N, C-alpha and C. Protein backbone atom coordinates (compact mmCIF):
# COMPACT_ATOMS: atom_id res chain seq x y z
N MET A 1 26.41 -9.47 -19.28
CA MET A 1 25.58 -8.37 -18.85
C MET A 1 26.47 -7.35 -18.15
N SER A 2 26.36 -6.09 -18.58
CA SER A 2 27.20 -5.05 -17.99
C SER A 2 26.72 -4.73 -16.57
N LYS A 3 27.56 -4.04 -15.84
CA LYS A 3 27.24 -3.69 -14.46
C LYS A 3 25.99 -2.82 -14.39
N LEU A 4 25.85 -1.86 -15.33
CA LEU A 4 24.68 -0.98 -15.36
C LEU A 4 23.41 -1.77 -15.66
N ASN A 5 23.47 -2.69 -16.64
CA ASN A 5 22.32 -3.50 -16.97
C ASN A 5 21.91 -4.39 -15.80
N LEU A 6 22.88 -4.93 -15.11
CA LEU A 6 22.60 -5.77 -13.94
C LEU A 6 21.91 -4.95 -12.85
N LYS A 7 22.38 -3.74 -12.63
CA LYS A 7 21.78 -2.86 -11.61
C LYS A 7 20.32 -2.55 -11.96
N VAL A 8 20.06 -2.21 -13.23
CA VAL A 8 18.69 -1.92 -13.67
C VAL A 8 17.82 -3.17 -13.54
N TYR A 9 18.36 -4.33 -13.92
CA TYR A 9 17.62 -5.58 -13.83
C TYR A 9 17.25 -5.89 -12.38
N LEU A 10 18.21 -5.75 -11.47
CA LEU A 10 17.94 -6.04 -10.05
C LEU A 10 16.92 -5.07 -9.47
N LYS A 11 17.02 -3.79 -9.85
CA LYS A 11 16.08 -2.80 -9.36
C LYS A 11 14.67 -3.13 -9.85
N THR A 12 14.56 -3.45 -11.13
CA THR A 12 13.26 -3.78 -11.72
C THR A 12 12.71 -5.07 -11.11
N SER A 13 13.55 -6.07 -10.93
CA SER A 13 13.06 -7.33 -10.36
C SER A 13 12.61 -7.15 -8.92
N ASN A 14 13.29 -6.30 -8.16
CA ASN A 14 12.86 -6.02 -6.78
C ASN A 14 11.48 -5.38 -6.76
N GLU A 15 11.25 -4.46 -7.68
CA GLU A 15 9.94 -3.81 -7.76
C GLU A 15 8.86 -4.82 -8.11
N ILE A 16 9.14 -5.67 -9.06
CA ILE A 16 8.17 -6.69 -9.47
C ILE A 16 7.86 -7.62 -8.30
N ILE A 17 8.88 -8.02 -7.57
CA ILE A 17 8.68 -8.90 -6.41
C ILE A 17 7.81 -8.21 -5.36
N LEU A 18 8.07 -6.93 -5.08
CA LEU A 18 7.25 -6.20 -4.10
C LEU A 18 5.79 -6.13 -4.54
N VAL A 19 5.56 -5.85 -5.82
CA VAL A 19 4.19 -5.74 -6.32
C VAL A 19 3.49 -7.10 -6.26
N ILE A 20 4.19 -8.16 -6.66
CA ILE A 20 3.60 -9.50 -6.61
C ILE A 20 3.27 -9.88 -5.17
N LEU A 21 4.19 -9.62 -4.26
CA LEU A 21 3.93 -9.92 -2.84
C LEU A 21 2.74 -9.13 -2.31
N GLN A 22 2.68 -7.85 -2.67
CA GLN A 22 1.58 -7.00 -2.22
C GLN A 22 0.24 -7.57 -2.70
N PHE A 23 0.14 -7.89 -3.98
CA PHE A 23 -1.12 -8.41 -4.51
C PHE A 23 -1.44 -9.80 -3.93
N PHE A 24 -0.41 -10.61 -3.71
CA PHE A 24 -0.61 -11.93 -3.12
C PHE A 24 -1.21 -11.81 -1.72
N ILE A 25 -0.66 -10.91 -0.91
CA ILE A 25 -1.17 -10.73 0.45
C ILE A 25 -2.59 -10.16 0.42
N ILE A 26 -2.86 -9.25 -0.50
CA ILE A 26 -4.22 -8.71 -0.62
C ILE A 26 -5.19 -9.84 -0.96
N ILE A 27 -4.82 -10.70 -1.90
CA ILE A 27 -5.68 -11.83 -2.29
C ILE A 27 -5.91 -12.77 -1.11
N LEU A 28 -4.87 -12.98 -0.30
CA LEU A 28 -5.01 -13.87 0.86
C LEU A 28 -6.06 -13.37 1.85
N HIS A 29 -6.37 -12.08 1.84
CA HIS A 29 -7.42 -11.56 2.72
C HIS A 29 -8.78 -12.17 2.38
N PHE A 30 -8.95 -12.62 1.15
CA PHE A 30 -10.23 -13.15 0.70
C PHE A 30 -10.25 -14.67 0.66
N ILE A 31 -9.17 -15.30 1.11
CA ILE A 31 -9.07 -16.76 1.11
C ILE A 31 -8.84 -17.22 2.54
N GLU A 32 -9.66 -18.13 2.99
CA GLU A 32 -9.46 -18.73 4.31
C GLU A 32 -8.42 -19.83 4.14
N TYR A 33 -7.22 -19.57 4.57
CA TYR A 33 -6.12 -20.52 4.41
C TYR A 33 -6.24 -21.59 5.49
N GLU A 34 -6.54 -22.81 5.07
CA GLU A 34 -6.84 -23.91 6.00
C GLU A 34 -5.64 -24.36 6.83
N SER A 35 -4.44 -24.29 6.27
CA SER A 35 -3.26 -24.80 6.98
C SER A 35 -2.81 -23.86 8.10
N PHE A 36 -3.22 -22.61 8.04
CA PHE A 36 -2.81 -21.64 9.04
C PHE A 36 -3.64 -21.86 10.30
N PRO A 37 -3.01 -21.87 11.48
CA PRO A 37 -3.78 -22.08 12.71
C PRO A 37 -4.84 -20.98 12.89
N LYS A 38 -6.05 -21.39 13.21
CA LYS A 38 -7.15 -20.43 13.38
C LYS A 38 -7.20 -19.99 14.84
N ILE A 39 -6.32 -19.08 15.16
CA ILE A 39 -6.24 -18.57 16.52
C ILE A 39 -7.00 -17.25 16.58
N LYS A 40 -8.08 -17.23 17.35
CA LYS A 40 -8.84 -16.01 17.55
C LYS A 40 -8.21 -15.25 18.71
N LEU A 41 -7.94 -13.96 18.52
CA LEU A 41 -7.31 -13.19 19.59
C LEU A 41 -8.32 -12.78 20.66
N ILE A 42 -9.56 -12.51 20.24
CA ILE A 42 -10.64 -12.15 21.17
C ILE A 42 -11.88 -12.89 20.70
N GLN A 43 -12.63 -13.49 21.60
CA GLN A 43 -13.80 -14.28 21.20
C GLN A 43 -14.98 -13.41 20.80
N ASP A 44 -15.34 -12.43 21.61
CA ASP A 44 -16.48 -11.57 21.29
C ASP A 44 -15.97 -10.36 20.52
N ASN A 45 -16.21 -10.37 19.23
CA ASN A 45 -15.62 -9.31 18.42
C ASN A 45 -16.65 -8.41 17.75
N SER A 46 -17.88 -8.33 18.28
CA SER A 46 -18.92 -7.55 17.62
C SER A 46 -18.58 -6.06 17.53
N LYS A 47 -18.03 -5.49 18.59
CA LYS A 47 -17.65 -4.06 18.55
C LYS A 47 -16.46 -3.85 17.62
N PHE A 48 -15.48 -4.74 17.72
CA PHE A 48 -14.31 -4.64 16.84
C PHE A 48 -14.72 -4.81 15.38
N SER A 49 -15.64 -5.74 15.16
CA SER A 49 -16.11 -6.02 13.81
C SER A 49 -16.77 -4.78 13.20
N PHE A 50 -17.62 -4.11 13.98
CA PHE A 50 -18.29 -2.90 13.50
C PHE A 50 -17.27 -1.83 13.13
N VAL A 51 -16.29 -1.61 14.01
CA VAL A 51 -15.24 -0.62 13.74
C VAL A 51 -14.44 -1.04 12.50
N GLY A 52 -14.18 -2.33 12.37
CA GLY A 52 -13.46 -2.85 11.20
C GLY A 52 -14.18 -2.55 9.91
N TYR A 53 -15.50 -2.77 9.89
CA TYR A 53 -16.29 -2.48 8.68
C TYR A 53 -16.26 -0.99 8.34
N ILE A 54 -16.33 -0.14 9.36
CA ILE A 54 -16.27 1.31 9.13
C ILE A 54 -14.91 1.70 8.54
N ILE A 55 -13.84 1.13 9.10
CA ILE A 55 -12.49 1.43 8.59
C ILE A 55 -12.35 0.96 7.14
N VAL A 56 -12.84 -0.24 6.84
CA VAL A 56 -12.77 -0.76 5.46
C VAL A 56 -13.54 0.15 4.52
N LEU A 57 -14.72 0.59 4.94
CA LEU A 57 -15.54 1.47 4.09
C LEU A 57 -14.84 2.81 3.83
N ILE A 58 -14.38 3.46 4.87
CA ILE A 58 -13.73 4.77 4.72
C ILE A 58 -12.44 4.64 3.91
N ALA A 59 -11.63 3.63 4.22
CA ALA A 59 -10.37 3.44 3.49
C ALA A 59 -10.62 3.11 2.01
N SER A 60 -11.69 2.38 1.73
CA SER A 60 -12.03 2.07 0.33
C SER A 60 -12.43 3.33 -0.42
N ILE A 61 -13.15 4.21 0.24
CA ILE A 61 -13.52 5.48 -0.39
C ILE A 61 -12.28 6.32 -0.67
N VAL A 62 -11.38 6.41 0.30
CA VAL A 62 -10.13 7.16 0.12
C VAL A 62 -9.32 6.54 -1.02
N LEU A 63 -9.28 5.22 -1.09
CA LEU A 63 -8.56 4.53 -2.17
C LEU A 63 -9.13 4.90 -3.53
N LEU A 64 -10.44 4.90 -3.65
CA LEU A 64 -11.07 5.26 -4.93
C LEU A 64 -10.80 6.72 -5.30
N ILE A 65 -10.83 7.60 -4.31
CA ILE A 65 -10.52 9.01 -4.56
C ILE A 65 -9.07 9.15 -5.03
N ALA A 66 -8.16 8.43 -4.39
CA ALA A 66 -6.74 8.49 -4.76
C ALA A 66 -6.54 7.99 -6.19
N ILE A 67 -7.22 6.91 -6.55
CA ILE A 67 -7.12 6.38 -7.91
C ILE A 67 -7.62 7.41 -8.91
N LYS A 68 -8.75 8.04 -8.59
CA LYS A 68 -9.30 9.08 -9.47
C LYS A 68 -8.33 10.25 -9.59
N ASP A 69 -7.78 10.69 -8.48
CA ASP A 69 -6.86 11.84 -8.50
C ASP A 69 -5.57 11.53 -9.26
N LEU A 70 -5.10 10.29 -9.20
CA LEU A 70 -3.88 9.92 -9.92
C LEU A 70 -4.11 9.88 -11.43
N GLY A 71 -5.30 9.46 -11.82
CA GLY A 71 -5.62 9.41 -13.25
C GLY A 71 -4.65 8.55 -14.03
N ARG A 72 -4.10 9.10 -15.10
CA ARG A 72 -3.20 8.34 -15.99
C ARG A 72 -1.84 8.07 -15.35
N ASN A 73 -1.56 8.62 -14.19
CA ASN A 73 -0.30 8.38 -13.48
C ASN A 73 -0.33 7.10 -12.66
N LEU A 74 -1.46 6.41 -12.64
CA LEU A 74 -1.64 5.21 -11.82
C LEU A 74 -0.75 4.08 -12.31
N SER A 75 -0.04 3.46 -11.37
CA SER A 75 0.80 2.31 -11.67
C SER A 75 0.98 1.51 -10.38
N PRO A 76 1.03 0.18 -10.46
CA PRO A 76 1.27 -0.59 -9.24
C PRO A 76 2.73 -0.56 -8.79
N PHE A 77 3.60 -0.05 -9.66
CA PHE A 77 5.03 -0.06 -9.38
C PHE A 77 5.47 1.25 -8.73
N PRO A 78 6.51 1.21 -7.91
CA PRO A 78 6.99 2.44 -7.27
C PRO A 78 7.62 3.42 -8.26
N THR A 79 8.08 2.95 -9.40
CA THR A 79 8.67 3.83 -10.40
C THR A 79 7.58 4.66 -11.06
N PRO A 80 7.74 5.98 -11.10
CA PRO A 80 6.74 6.81 -11.78
C PRO A 80 6.70 6.48 -13.27
N ILE A 81 5.53 6.61 -13.88
CA ILE A 81 5.43 6.33 -15.31
C ILE A 81 6.23 7.38 -16.09
N ALA A 82 6.64 7.01 -17.28
CA ALA A 82 7.57 7.82 -18.08
C ALA A 82 7.10 9.26 -18.27
N ASN A 83 5.89 9.47 -18.71
CA ASN A 83 5.39 10.83 -18.98
C ASN A 83 4.48 11.32 -17.86
N GLY A 84 4.71 10.82 -16.66
CA GLY A 84 3.83 11.16 -15.54
C GLY A 84 4.09 12.53 -14.96
N ASN A 85 3.14 12.96 -14.17
CA ASN A 85 3.22 14.24 -13.46
C ASN A 85 3.23 13.98 -11.96
N LEU A 86 3.76 14.92 -11.21
CA LEU A 86 3.69 14.87 -9.76
C LEU A 86 2.32 15.40 -9.36
N ILE A 87 1.53 14.56 -8.73
CA ILE A 87 0.18 14.95 -8.31
C ILE A 87 0.25 15.46 -6.87
N THR A 88 -0.15 16.71 -6.69
CA THR A 88 -0.12 17.33 -5.36
C THR A 88 -1.47 17.97 -5.01
N THR A 89 -2.50 17.60 -5.77
CA THR A 89 -3.84 18.16 -5.55
C THR A 89 -4.79 17.04 -5.11
N GLY A 90 -6.01 17.43 -4.78
CA GLY A 90 -6.98 16.44 -4.34
C GLY A 90 -6.54 15.83 -3.02
N ILE A 91 -6.71 14.53 -2.90
CA ILE A 91 -6.33 13.83 -1.68
C ILE A 91 -4.82 13.89 -1.46
N TYR A 92 -4.06 14.04 -2.55
CA TYR A 92 -2.59 14.11 -2.46
C TYR A 92 -2.13 15.44 -1.85
N ARG A 93 -3.03 16.37 -1.68
CA ARG A 93 -2.73 17.62 -0.99
C ARG A 93 -2.60 17.36 0.51
N LEU A 94 -3.26 16.29 0.98
CA LEU A 94 -3.29 15.98 2.41
C LEU A 94 -2.39 14.80 2.78
N ILE A 95 -2.30 13.82 1.87
CA ILE A 95 -1.57 12.58 2.14
C ILE A 95 -0.71 12.25 0.92
N ARG A 96 0.58 11.95 1.14
CA ARG A 96 1.48 11.66 0.01
C ARG A 96 1.20 10.31 -0.64
N HIS A 97 0.85 9.33 0.15
CA HIS A 97 0.65 7.97 -0.37
C HIS A 97 -0.71 7.43 0.07
N PRO A 98 -1.81 8.07 -0.34
CA PRO A 98 -3.12 7.64 0.16
C PRO A 98 -3.52 6.23 -0.27
N MET A 99 -3.07 5.78 -1.43
CA MET A 99 -3.42 4.42 -1.86
C MET A 99 -2.77 3.39 -0.95
N TYR A 100 -1.50 3.58 -0.65
CA TYR A 100 -0.79 2.64 0.21
C TYR A 100 -1.41 2.62 1.61
N TYR A 101 -1.66 3.79 2.17
CA TYR A 101 -2.23 3.84 3.52
C TYR A 101 -3.65 3.28 3.55
N SER A 102 -4.40 3.47 2.47
CA SER A 102 -5.75 2.91 2.39
C SER A 102 -5.69 1.39 2.38
N ILE A 103 -4.76 0.84 1.62
CA ILE A 103 -4.63 -0.62 1.56
C ILE A 103 -4.27 -1.17 2.94
N ILE A 104 -3.39 -0.49 3.64
CA ILE A 104 -3.03 -0.93 5.00
C ILE A 104 -4.25 -0.84 5.92
N LEU A 105 -5.01 0.25 5.82
CA LEU A 105 -6.19 0.40 6.68
C LEU A 105 -7.27 -0.64 6.35
N ILE A 106 -7.43 -0.96 5.09
CA ILE A 106 -8.39 -2.00 4.71
C ILE A 106 -7.95 -3.34 5.32
N SER A 107 -6.67 -3.63 5.24
CA SER A 107 -6.15 -4.86 5.84
C SER A 107 -6.38 -4.86 7.35
N PHE A 108 -6.11 -3.73 7.99
CA PHE A 108 -6.33 -3.61 9.43
C PHE A 108 -7.82 -3.78 9.76
N GLY A 109 -8.67 -3.23 8.91
CA GLY A 109 -10.12 -3.42 9.09
C GLY A 109 -10.51 -4.89 9.04
N PHE A 110 -9.93 -5.63 8.08
CA PHE A 110 -10.18 -7.07 8.01
C PHE A 110 -9.72 -7.75 9.30
N PHE A 111 -8.58 -7.32 9.80
CA PHE A 111 -8.08 -7.88 11.05
C PHE A 111 -9.08 -7.63 12.19
N LEU A 112 -9.61 -6.41 12.28
CA LEU A 112 -10.58 -6.10 13.33
C LEU A 112 -11.87 -6.91 13.16
N ILE A 113 -12.26 -7.15 11.94
CA ILE A 113 -13.47 -7.93 11.68
C ILE A 113 -13.27 -9.38 12.11
N LYS A 114 -12.13 -9.95 11.79
CA LYS A 114 -11.87 -11.37 12.07
C LYS A 114 -11.17 -11.61 13.40
N LEU A 115 -10.36 -10.64 13.83
CA LEU A 115 -9.57 -10.75 15.06
C LEU A 115 -8.83 -12.09 15.16
N SER A 116 -8.18 -12.46 14.07
CA SER A 116 -7.42 -13.71 14.09
C SER A 116 -5.95 -13.43 13.82
N PHE A 117 -5.14 -14.36 14.28
CA PHE A 117 -3.70 -14.27 14.10
C PHE A 117 -3.33 -14.23 12.61
N TYR A 118 -4.07 -14.95 11.80
CA TYR A 118 -3.87 -14.99 10.35
C TYR A 118 -3.95 -13.59 9.74
N TYR A 119 -5.01 -12.84 10.08
CA TYR A 119 -5.18 -11.50 9.53
C TYR A 119 -4.18 -10.50 10.13
N LEU A 120 -3.77 -10.73 11.35
CA LEU A 120 -2.72 -9.91 11.94
C LEU A 120 -1.42 -10.08 11.15
N CYS A 121 -1.08 -11.32 10.83
CA CYS A 121 0.13 -11.60 10.05
C CYS A 121 0.04 -10.97 8.66
N LEU A 122 -1.14 -11.06 8.03
CA LEU A 122 -1.32 -10.44 6.71
C LEU A 122 -1.13 -8.92 6.79
N THR A 123 -1.71 -8.31 7.80
CA THR A 123 -1.60 -6.85 7.95
C THR A 123 -0.15 -6.44 8.19
N LEU A 124 0.53 -7.14 9.07
CA LEU A 124 1.93 -6.80 9.37
C LEU A 124 2.82 -7.01 8.14
N SER A 125 2.56 -8.06 7.38
CA SER A 125 3.33 -8.31 6.15
C SER A 125 3.09 -7.21 5.12
N LEU A 126 1.84 -6.81 5.00
CA LEU A 126 1.50 -5.75 4.05
C LEU A 126 2.15 -4.43 4.46
N ILE A 127 2.18 -4.14 5.74
CA ILE A 127 2.83 -2.92 6.23
C ILE A 127 4.31 -2.92 5.85
N LEU A 128 4.95 -4.04 6.03
CA LEU A 128 6.37 -4.16 5.72
C LEU A 128 6.63 -3.96 4.22
N ILE A 129 5.86 -4.60 3.39
CA ILE A 129 6.03 -4.48 1.93
C ILE A 129 5.76 -3.05 1.48
N ILE A 130 4.70 -2.46 1.98
CA ILE A 130 4.36 -1.09 1.57
C ILE A 130 5.38 -0.09 2.08
N LYS A 131 5.95 -0.36 3.24
CA LYS A 131 7.02 0.51 3.74
C LYS A 131 8.18 0.54 2.75
N PHE A 132 8.57 -0.64 2.23
CA PHE A 132 9.63 -0.70 1.22
C PHE A 132 9.22 0.03 -0.06
N LYS A 133 7.97 -0.16 -0.47
CA LYS A 133 7.51 0.49 -1.70
C LYS A 133 7.51 2.02 -1.55
N ILE A 134 7.08 2.51 -0.40
CA ILE A 134 7.07 3.96 -0.17
C ILE A 134 8.49 4.50 -0.20
N SER A 135 9.41 3.79 0.43
CA SER A 135 10.82 4.21 0.42
C SER A 135 11.36 4.32 -1.00
N LEU A 136 11.12 3.28 -1.78
CA LEU A 136 11.56 3.29 -3.18
C LEU A 136 10.90 4.42 -3.97
N GLU A 137 9.59 4.52 -3.82
CA GLU A 137 8.84 5.53 -4.57
C GLU A 137 9.30 6.94 -4.21
N ASP A 138 9.54 7.18 -2.94
CA ASP A 138 10.03 8.50 -2.53
C ASP A 138 11.35 8.84 -3.22
N GLN A 139 12.24 7.86 -3.31
CA GLN A 139 13.54 8.09 -3.99
C GLN A 139 13.32 8.40 -5.47
N TYR A 140 12.48 7.60 -6.13
CA TYR A 140 12.22 7.81 -7.56
C TYR A 140 11.58 9.17 -7.82
N LEU A 141 10.62 9.53 -6.98
CA LEU A 141 9.93 10.81 -7.17
C LEU A 141 10.88 11.98 -6.91
N LYS A 142 11.74 11.82 -5.91
CA LYS A 142 12.73 12.87 -5.61
C LYS A 142 13.67 13.06 -6.80
N ASN A 143 14.08 11.96 -7.43
CA ASN A 143 14.99 12.04 -8.58
C ASN A 143 14.30 12.57 -9.84
N LYS A 144 13.02 12.30 -9.98
CA LYS A 144 12.32 12.69 -11.21
C LYS A 144 11.74 14.11 -11.14
N PHE A 145 11.23 14.50 -9.99
CA PHE A 145 10.55 15.79 -9.86
C PHE A 145 11.30 16.67 -8.85
N LYS A 146 11.79 17.80 -9.32
CA LYS A 146 12.55 18.69 -8.43
C LYS A 146 11.70 19.26 -7.30
N ASP A 147 10.37 19.35 -7.51
CA ASP A 147 9.47 19.89 -6.48
C ASP A 147 9.08 18.86 -5.42
N TYR A 148 9.52 17.62 -5.60
CA TYR A 148 9.07 16.57 -4.68
C TYR A 148 9.56 16.81 -3.24
N ILE A 149 10.76 17.30 -3.08
CA ILE A 149 11.29 17.54 -1.72
C ILE A 149 10.44 18.58 -1.00
N LEU A 150 10.05 19.64 -1.71
CA LEU A 150 9.18 20.64 -1.10
C LEU A 150 7.82 20.04 -0.74
N TYR A 151 7.29 19.24 -1.67
CA TYR A 151 6.01 18.57 -1.44
C TYR A 151 6.11 17.64 -0.23
N LYS A 152 7.20 16.88 -0.16
CA LYS A 152 7.39 15.92 0.95
C LYS A 152 7.50 16.66 2.28
N ASP A 153 8.16 17.82 2.28
CA ASP A 153 8.26 18.61 3.52
C ASP A 153 6.90 19.17 3.93
N LYS A 154 6.08 19.52 2.95
CA LYS A 154 4.77 20.11 3.21
C LYS A 154 3.76 19.05 3.63
N VAL A 155 3.77 17.90 2.97
CA VAL A 155 2.83 16.82 3.26
C VAL A 155 3.60 15.68 3.90
N LYS A 156 3.53 15.58 5.19
CA LYS A 156 4.38 14.64 5.95
C LYS A 156 4.00 13.18 5.74
N TYR A 157 2.73 12.86 5.57
CA TYR A 157 2.32 11.45 5.48
C TYR A 157 1.76 11.12 4.12
């Protein structure tokens, strides 16, 4: 395997690993993992729970809007699709990565609903993975679209 092929392979495998980890952590939000210690951070969580449900609802709506706005450019991978366009309208006019931030907010909402150490760990893990994905995606978009730097300067988050 040539050096260039190895570099492409490693880059692609890193992206696949990030996507698999992201989906795995999302799935874990819906599974009560029995082996994990069930440590409640706060016992009375009715107010937190209400706020959590509101955050999940709003973030889910933003996620659906982002999916609609992306259209055929939608991909779980940080690499832009081959014939894709830079989307700077709709929700992307206000937020550069609304899908990623929505997923983080949904996870945080689950944490507020459950207030357990398990959901805190899931949220923190998801933040870390998505941080890496955003970094990668920003590089790919900068290399593919000459207007991306202007867009990134205009839309900070």
